[in-house]
């Protein structure tokens, strides 16, 4: 069972390295921050990153705030909002791997005109992109 450590998670404040990884068969490399790699490895949350990556084809917004809320029965609700707080998509997940936190937020940032995207922790995104995202997080 994966267990994320909240203080360790909070220590990821800067994006020192953007990792381009091929985590999911059939998907191109996914750009993630070091903090998200921690979530994947320590929280056993590849399912979360995979769900977010798979839903990118349906979302054109350049900034997204994703939140997963895990229920006691390990079902979860994954929601995505844009920079204005408008709900873009929601997905119920029947059963997830317990990663140690009742909720977790991740950001997706897409560069203008590109198909690439990067998944980061909110604090990493805030520090990396500065004033563009600060009011949103």
N, C-alpha and C. Protein backbone atom coordinates (compact mmCIF):
# COMPACT_ATOMS: atom_id res chain seq x y z
N UNK A 1 0.84 -1.18 0.00
CA UNK A 1 0.00 0.00 0.00
C UNK A 1 0.89 1.24 0.00
N UNK A 2 0.63 2.14 -0.90
CA UNK A 2 1.40 3.36 -1.01
C UNK A 2 1.06 4.33 0.10
N UNK A 3 2.03 5.04 0.54
CA UNK A 3 1.79 6.05 1.56
C UNK A 3 2.59 7.30 1.21
N UNK A 4 1.85 8.36 0.93
CA UNK A 4 2.50 9.64 0.71
C UNK A 4 2.70 10.31 2.05
N UNK A 5 3.82 10.94 2.21
CA UNK A 5 4.14 11.68 3.41
C UNK A 5 3.86 13.15 3.11
N UNK A 6 2.92 13.76 3.86
CA UNK A 6 2.50 15.14 3.58
C UNK A 6 3.67 16.11 3.65
N UNK A 7 4.54 15.96 4.64
CA UNK A 7 5.67 16.89 4.75
C UNK A 7 6.65 16.69 3.60
N UNK A 8 6.85 15.46 3.16
CA UNK A 8 7.71 15.21 2.01
C UNK A 8 7.08 15.80 0.75
N UNK A 9 5.78 15.62 0.60
CA UNK A 9 5.06 16.17 -0.54
C UNK A 9 5.18 17.69 -0.56
N UNK A 10 5.05 18.32 0.59
CA UNK A 10 5.16 19.78 0.69
C UNK A 10 6.57 20.28 0.41
N UNK A 11 7.57 19.41 0.50
CA UNK A 11 8.94 19.84 0.26
C UNK A 11 9.23 20.08 -1.23
N UNK A 12 8.38 19.58 -2.10
CA UNK A 12 8.56 19.81 -3.53
C UNK A 12 8.01 21.19 -3.87
N UNK A 13 8.90 22.15 -3.96
CA UNK A 13 8.51 23.54 -4.17
C UNK A 13 8.98 24.07 -5.52
N UNK A 14 10.01 23.52 -6.04
CA UNK A 14 10.60 23.98 -7.29
C UNK A 14 10.64 22.82 -8.28
N UNK A 15 10.60 23.16 -9.54
CA UNK A 15 10.80 22.14 -10.57
C UNK A 15 12.25 22.23 -10.98
N UNK A 16 13.06 21.33 -10.43
CA UNK A 16 14.47 21.30 -10.77
C UNK A 16 14.70 20.52 -12.06
N UNK A 17 13.80 19.62 -12.32
CA UNK A 17 13.97 18.74 -13.48
C UNK A 17 12.60 18.32 -13.98
N UNK A 18 12.39 18.44 -15.28
CA UNK A 18 11.16 17.95 -15.89
C UNK A 18 11.48 16.57 -16.46
N UNK A 19 10.74 15.59 -16.02
CA UNK A 19 10.97 14.22 -16.44
C UNK A 19 10.01 13.88 -17.57
N UNK A 20 10.54 13.37 -18.65
CA UNK A 20 9.70 12.90 -19.75
C UNK A 20 9.74 11.39 -19.68
N UNK A 21 8.62 10.80 -19.28
CA UNK A 21 8.60 9.37 -19.00
C UNK A 21 7.51 8.68 -19.80
N UNK A 22 7.78 7.43 -20.11
CA UNK A 22 6.81 6.61 -20.81
C UNK A 22 6.25 5.63 -19.78
N UNK A 23 5.23 6.10 -19.05
CA UNK A 23 4.68 5.32 -17.95
C UNK A 23 3.53 4.42 -18.36
N UNK A 24 2.86 4.82 -19.44
CA UNK A 24 1.63 4.14 -19.81
C UNK A 24 1.75 3.61 -21.23
N UNK A 25 1.64 2.30 -21.42
CA UNK A 25 1.75 1.74 -22.77
C UNK A 25 0.74 2.38 -23.72
N UNK A 26 1.21 2.72 -24.90
CA UNK A 26 0.34 3.31 -25.91
C UNK A 26 0.23 4.82 -25.84
N UNK A 27 0.81 5.43 -24.82
CA UNK A 27 0.79 6.90 -24.71
C UNK A 27 2.20 7.41 -24.93
N UNK A 28 2.28 8.56 -25.56
CA UNK A 28 3.59 9.19 -25.72
C UNK A 28 4.14 9.55 -24.35
N UNK A 29 5.38 9.95 -24.35
CA UNK A 29 5.98 10.36 -23.09
C UNK A 29 5.14 11.43 -22.41
N UNK A 30 5.05 11.33 -21.12
CA UNK A 30 4.31 12.29 -20.31
C UNK A 30 5.34 13.11 -19.53
N UNK A 31 5.21 14.43 -19.59
CA UNK A 31 6.11 15.30 -18.85
C UNK A 31 5.58 15.49 -17.45
N UNK A 32 6.40 15.15 -16.47
CA UNK A 32 6.00 15.29 -15.07
C UNK A 32 7.12 15.95 -14.28
N UNK A 33 6.76 16.52 -13.16
CA UNK A 33 7.74 17.11 -12.26
C UNK A 33 8.26 16.01 -11.32
N UNK A 34 9.28 16.37 -10.58
CA UNK A 34 9.83 15.43 -9.60
C UNK A 34 8.82 15.12 -8.50
N UNK A 35 8.03 16.12 -8.13
CA UNK A 35 7.00 15.91 -7.11
C UNK A 35 5.96 14.90 -7.56
N UNK A 36 5.58 14.94 -8.83
CA UNK A 36 4.62 13.98 -9.37
C UNK A 36 5.25 12.59 -9.44
N UNK A 37 6.53 12.51 -9.74
CA UNK A 37 7.21 11.21 -9.72
C UNK A 37 7.17 10.63 -8.31
N UNK A 38 7.32 11.47 -7.29
CA UNK A 38 7.20 11.02 -5.90
C UNK A 38 5.80 10.46 -5.66
N UNK A 39 4.77 11.15 -6.14
CA UNK A 39 3.39 10.69 -5.99
C UNK A 39 3.21 9.32 -6.65
N UNK A 40 3.77 9.16 -7.83
CA UNK A 40 3.65 7.89 -8.55
C UNK A 40 4.35 6.76 -7.82
N UNK A 41 5.57 7.01 -7.39
CA UNK A 41 6.36 5.92 -6.79
C UNK A 41 5.97 5.64 -5.34
N UNK A 42 5.89 6.67 -4.50
CA UNK A 42 5.60 6.45 -3.10
C UNK A 42 4.11 6.23 -2.83
N UNK A 43 3.28 6.87 -3.63
CA UNK A 43 1.84 6.75 -3.43
C UNK A 43 1.20 5.68 -4.30
N UNK A 44 2.01 5.02 -5.10
CA UNK A 44 1.51 4.00 -6.03
C UNK A 44 0.33 4.57 -6.82
N UNK A 45 0.52 5.78 -7.35
CA UNK A 45 -0.58 6.51 -7.99
C UNK A 45 -0.40 6.66 -9.50
N UNK A 46 0.15 5.65 -10.13
CA UNK A 46 0.23 5.66 -11.58
C UNK A 46 -1.18 5.74 -12.18
N UNK A 47 -2.14 5.12 -11.52
CA UNK A 47 -3.53 5.16 -11.97
C UNK A 47 -4.04 6.60 -12.08
N UNK A 48 -3.62 7.46 -11.16
CA UNK A 48 -4.06 8.85 -11.14
C UNK A 48 -3.46 9.62 -12.32
N UNK A 49 -2.17 9.51 -12.49
CA UNK A 49 -1.49 10.19 -13.59
C UNK A 49 -1.99 9.65 -14.93
N UNK A 50 -2.21 8.35 -15.00
CA UNK A 50 -2.74 7.75 -16.22
C UNK A 50 -4.13 8.26 -16.55
N UNK A 51 -4.97 8.41 -15.55
CA UNK A 51 -6.32 8.93 -15.77
C UNK A 51 -6.28 10.37 -16.27
N UNK A 52 -5.44 11.18 -15.65
CA UNK A 52 -5.31 12.58 -16.07
C UNK A 52 -4.77 12.66 -17.50
N UNK A 53 -3.75 11.88 -17.78
CA UNK A 53 -3.16 11.90 -19.13
C UNK A 53 -4.16 11.44 -20.18
N UNK A 54 -4.92 10.42 -19.87
CA UNK A 54 -5.89 9.89 -20.84
C UNK A 54 -6.99 10.90 -21.14
N UNK A 55 -7.34 11.73 -20.18
CA UNK A 55 -8.42 12.70 -20.37
C UNK A 55 -7.97 13.98 -21.06
N UNK A 56 -6.68 14.14 -21.31
CA UNK A 56 -6.18 15.37 -21.92
C UNK A 56 -6.74 15.62 -23.33
N UNK A 57 -7.05 14.59 -24.07
CA UNK A 57 -7.59 14.75 -25.41
C UNK A 57 -8.94 15.47 -25.39
N UNK A 58 -9.64 15.42 -24.26
CA UNK A 58 -10.96 16.03 -24.14
C UNK A 58 -10.91 17.46 -23.61
N UNK A 59 -9.72 17.94 -23.22
CA UNK A 59 -9.61 19.24 -22.55
C UNK A 59 -8.63 20.12 -23.32
N UNK A 60 -9.08 21.29 -23.70
CA UNK A 60 -8.21 22.19 -24.46
C UNK A 60 -7.60 23.30 -23.59
N UNK A 61 -8.08 23.46 -22.38
CA UNK A 61 -7.59 24.54 -21.51
C UNK A 61 -6.10 24.38 -21.23
N UNK A 62 -5.38 25.52 -21.21
CA UNK A 62 -3.94 25.48 -21.02
C UNK A 62 -3.52 25.28 -19.57
N UNK A 63 -4.43 25.54 -18.63
CA UNK A 63 -4.14 25.27 -17.23
C UNK A 63 -5.31 24.53 -16.62
N UNK A 64 -5.00 23.47 -15.89
CA UNK A 64 -6.04 22.66 -15.24
C UNK A 64 -5.61 22.34 -13.82
N UNK A 65 -6.56 22.41 -12.93
CA UNK A 65 -6.33 21.99 -11.55
C UNK A 65 -7.16 20.73 -11.32
N UNK A 66 -6.49 19.63 -11.05
CA UNK A 66 -7.13 18.33 -10.84
C UNK A 66 -7.15 18.03 -9.36
N UNK A 67 -8.26 17.48 -8.91
CA UNK A 67 -8.37 17.07 -7.51
C UNK A 67 -8.97 15.68 -7.46
N UNK A 68 -8.32 14.82 -6.69
CA UNK A 68 -8.88 13.49 -6.46
C UNK A 68 -9.23 13.41 -4.98
N UNK A 69 -10.45 12.97 -4.71
CA UNK A 69 -10.91 12.77 -3.34
C UNK A 69 -11.21 11.29 -3.17
N UNK A 70 -10.54 10.68 -2.20
CA UNK A 70 -10.68 9.25 -1.96
C UNK A 70 -11.65 9.01 -0.80
N UNK A 71 -12.62 8.16 -1.04
CA UNK A 71 -13.61 7.82 -0.01
C UNK A 71 -13.10 6.66 0.84
N UNK A 72 -13.76 6.39 1.96
CA UNK A 72 -13.34 5.31 2.86
C UNK A 72 -13.37 3.95 2.19
N UNK A 73 -14.29 3.75 1.22
CA UNK A 73 -14.36 2.47 0.52
C UNK A 73 -13.36 2.38 -0.64
N UNK A 74 -12.48 3.37 -0.74
CA UNK A 74 -11.44 3.49 -1.76
C UNK A 74 -11.99 3.77 -3.16
N UNK A 75 -13.26 4.17 -3.25
CA UNK A 75 -13.72 4.75 -4.50
C UNK A 75 -13.22 6.20 -4.49
N UNK A 76 -13.24 6.85 -5.62
CA UNK A 76 -12.72 8.21 -5.68
C UNK A 76 -13.46 9.02 -6.73
N UNK A 77 -13.36 10.32 -6.57
CA UNK A 77 -13.91 11.26 -7.55
C UNK A 77 -12.75 12.12 -8.04
N UNK A 78 -12.56 12.14 -9.33
CA UNK A 78 -11.51 12.92 -9.96
C UNK A 78 -12.17 14.07 -10.70
N UNK A 79 -11.82 15.30 -10.35
CA UNK A 79 -12.43 16.46 -11.00
C UNK A 79 -11.35 17.38 -11.54
N UNK A 80 -11.70 18.07 -12.60
CA UNK A 80 -10.78 19.00 -13.24
C UNK A 80 -11.49 20.35 -13.40
N UNK A 81 -10.77 21.41 -13.02
CA UNK A 81 -11.29 22.77 -13.17
C UNK A 81 -10.29 23.59 -13.97
N UNK A 82 -10.80 24.61 -14.66
CA UNK A 82 -9.90 25.48 -15.40
C UNK A 82 -9.41 26.62 -14.52
N UNK A 83 -8.70 27.56 -15.10
CA UNK A 83 -8.11 28.66 -14.32
C UNK A 83 -9.15 29.58 -13.70
N UNK A 84 -10.38 29.50 -14.16
CA UNK A 84 -11.46 30.33 -13.62
C UNK A 84 -12.33 29.57 -12.62
N UNK A 85 -11.94 28.33 -12.31
CA UNK A 85 -12.69 27.53 -11.35
C UNK A 85 -13.88 26.80 -11.95
N UNK A 86 -14.03 26.87 -13.27
CA UNK A 86 -15.13 26.18 -13.94
C UNK A 86 -14.81 24.70 -14.07
N UNK A 87 -15.76 23.87 -13.68
CA UNK A 87 -15.56 22.43 -13.77
C UNK A 87 -15.54 22.01 -15.24
N UNK A 88 -14.50 21.27 -15.62
CA UNK A 88 -14.34 20.83 -17.00
C UNK A 88 -14.73 19.37 -17.21
N UNK A 89 -14.38 18.55 -16.24
CA UNK A 89 -14.65 17.12 -16.38
C UNK A 89 -14.60 16.48 -15.00
N UNK A 90 -15.36 15.43 -14.84
CA UNK A 90 -15.39 14.70 -13.58
C UNK A 90 -15.47 13.22 -13.91
N UNK A 91 -14.79 12.43 -13.13
CA UNK A 91 -14.77 10.99 -13.38
C UNK A 91 -14.83 10.26 -12.05
N UNK A 92 -15.74 9.32 -11.94
CA UNK A 92 -15.80 8.46 -10.76
C UNK A 92 -14.89 7.27 -11.00
N UNK A 93 -14.17 6.90 -9.97
CA UNK A 93 -13.26 5.76 -10.06
C UNK A 93 -13.71 4.75 -9.01
N UNK A 94 -14.01 3.54 -9.47
CA UNK A 94 -14.62 2.53 -8.60
C UNK A 94 -13.73 2.16 -7.42
N UNK A 95 -12.47 1.92 -7.68
CA UNK A 95 -11.57 1.52 -6.60
C UNK A 95 -10.16 1.98 -6.96
N UNK A 96 -9.50 2.60 -6.02
CA UNK A 96 -8.16 3.10 -6.24
C UNK A 96 -7.22 2.44 -5.23
N UNK A 97 -5.95 2.59 -5.48
CA UNK A 97 -4.96 2.14 -4.51
C UNK A 97 -4.82 3.24 -3.47
N UNK A 98 -4.94 2.89 -2.22
CA UNK A 98 -4.83 3.85 -1.11
C UNK A 98 -3.43 4.46 -1.12
N UNK A 99 -3.35 5.77 -1.35
CA UNK A 99 -2.03 6.39 -1.40
C UNK A 99 -1.71 7.21 -0.16
N UNK A 100 -2.59 7.17 0.83
CA UNK A 100 -2.25 7.74 2.12
C UNK A 100 -2.80 9.12 2.42
N UNK A 101 -3.47 9.75 1.47
CA UNK A 101 -4.07 11.06 1.70
C UNK A 101 -5.53 11.01 1.26
N UNK A 102 -6.41 11.73 1.95
CA UNK A 102 -7.82 11.72 1.54
C UNK A 102 -8.08 12.51 0.26
N UNK A 103 -7.18 13.43 -0.06
CA UNK A 103 -7.31 14.18 -1.31
C UNK A 103 -5.93 14.62 -1.77
N UNK A 104 -5.85 14.91 -3.05
CA UNK A 104 -4.59 15.35 -3.64
C UNK A 104 -4.93 16.22 -4.84
N UNK A 105 -4.16 17.29 -5.02
CA UNK A 105 -4.33 18.17 -6.17
C UNK A 105 -3.09 18.11 -7.04
N UNK A 106 -3.32 18.11 -8.34
CA UNK A 106 -2.25 18.17 -9.32
C UNK A 106 -2.62 19.22 -10.37
N UNK A 107 -1.63 19.77 -11.02
CA UNK A 107 -1.85 20.76 -12.08
C UNK A 107 -1.39 20.19 -13.40
N UNK A 108 -2.08 20.59 -14.45
CA UNK A 108 -1.63 20.30 -15.81
C UNK A 108 -1.47 21.64 -16.50
N UNK A 109 -0.31 21.83 -17.12
CA UNK A 109 -0.03 23.04 -17.87
C UNK A 109 0.32 22.63 -19.29
N UNK A 110 -0.36 23.26 -20.26
CA UNK A 110 -0.11 23.01 -21.68
C UNK A 110 0.46 24.28 -22.28
N UNK A 111 1.60 24.17 -22.98
CA UNK A 111 2.13 25.38 -23.64
C UNK A 111 1.21 25.79 -24.79
N UNK A 112 1.14 27.08 -25.08
CA UNK A 112 0.27 27.54 -26.16
C UNK A 112 0.61 26.86 -27.49
N UNK A 113 -0.42 26.40 -28.18
CA UNK A 113 -0.26 25.82 -29.50
C UNK A 113 0.38 24.46 -29.56
N UNK A 114 0.62 23.85 -28.42
CA UNK A 114 1.29 22.55 -28.43
C UNK A 114 0.38 21.43 -27.96
N UNK A 115 0.79 20.22 -28.23
CA UNK A 115 0.05 19.05 -27.77
C UNK A 115 0.64 18.49 -26.48
N UNK A 116 1.83 18.95 -26.14
CA UNK A 116 2.48 18.46 -24.92
C UNK A 116 1.78 19.04 -23.70
N UNK A 117 2.01 18.40 -22.57
CA UNK A 117 1.52 18.93 -21.31
C UNK A 117 2.44 18.45 -20.21
N UNK A 118 2.40 19.16 -19.08
CA UNK A 118 3.20 18.77 -17.94
C UNK A 118 2.29 18.67 -16.72
N UNK A 119 2.48 17.62 -15.94
CA UNK A 119 1.73 17.42 -14.70
C UNK A 119 2.67 17.75 -13.55
N UNK A 120 2.21 18.64 -12.66
CA UNK A 120 3.02 19.08 -11.53
C UNK A 120 2.18 19.12 -10.26
N UNK A 121 2.84 19.27 -9.15
CA UNK A 121 2.16 19.60 -7.90
C UNK A 121 1.82 21.10 -7.96
N UNK A 122 0.77 21.54 -7.31
CA UNK A 122 0.40 22.96 -7.36
C UNK A 122 1.51 23.91 -6.94
N UNK A 123 2.22 23.59 -5.88
CA UNK A 123 3.29 24.48 -5.40
C UNK A 123 4.42 24.57 -6.43
N UNK A 124 4.74 23.45 -7.07
CA UNK A 124 5.77 23.47 -8.11
C UNK A 124 5.32 24.35 -9.27
N UNK A 125 4.08 24.20 -9.69
CA UNK A 125 3.55 24.99 -10.80
C UNK A 125 3.57 26.47 -10.45
N UNK A 126 3.17 26.79 -9.25
CA UNK A 126 3.12 28.18 -8.81
C UNK A 126 4.51 28.81 -8.87
N UNK A 127 5.51 28.12 -8.37
CA UNK A 127 6.87 28.65 -8.38
C UNK A 127 7.46 28.69 -9.78
N UNK A 128 7.14 27.72 -10.60
CA UNK A 128 7.70 27.62 -11.95
C UNK A 128 7.09 28.66 -12.88
N UNK A 129 5.77 28.82 -12.81
CA UNK A 129 5.07 29.73 -13.72
C UNK A 129 4.80 31.09 -13.12
N UNK A 130 5.06 31.26 -11.84
CA UNK A 130 4.96 32.55 -11.19
C UNK A 130 3.57 33.16 -11.19
N UNK A 131 3.53 34.45 -11.47
CA UNK A 131 2.30 35.24 -11.35
C UNK A 131 1.17 34.75 -12.25
N UNK A 132 1.48 33.99 -13.28
CA UNK A 132 0.42 33.51 -14.17
C UNK A 132 -0.53 32.58 -13.45
N UNK A 133 -0.02 31.81 -12.49
CA UNK A 133 -0.83 30.83 -11.80
C UNK A 133 -1.12 31.19 -10.35
N UNK A 134 -0.33 32.06 -9.77
CA UNK A 134 -0.42 32.33 -8.34
C UNK A 134 -1.85 32.58 -7.84
N UNK A 135 -2.66 33.37 -8.55
CA UNK A 135 -4.02 33.59 -8.03
C UNK A 135 -4.89 32.34 -8.06
N UNK A 136 -4.49 31.35 -8.81
CA UNK A 136 -5.33 30.16 -9.00
C UNK A 136 -5.10 29.10 -7.95
N UNK A 137 -3.98 29.14 -7.27
CA UNK A 137 -3.62 28.04 -6.39
C UNK A 137 -3.72 28.43 -4.92
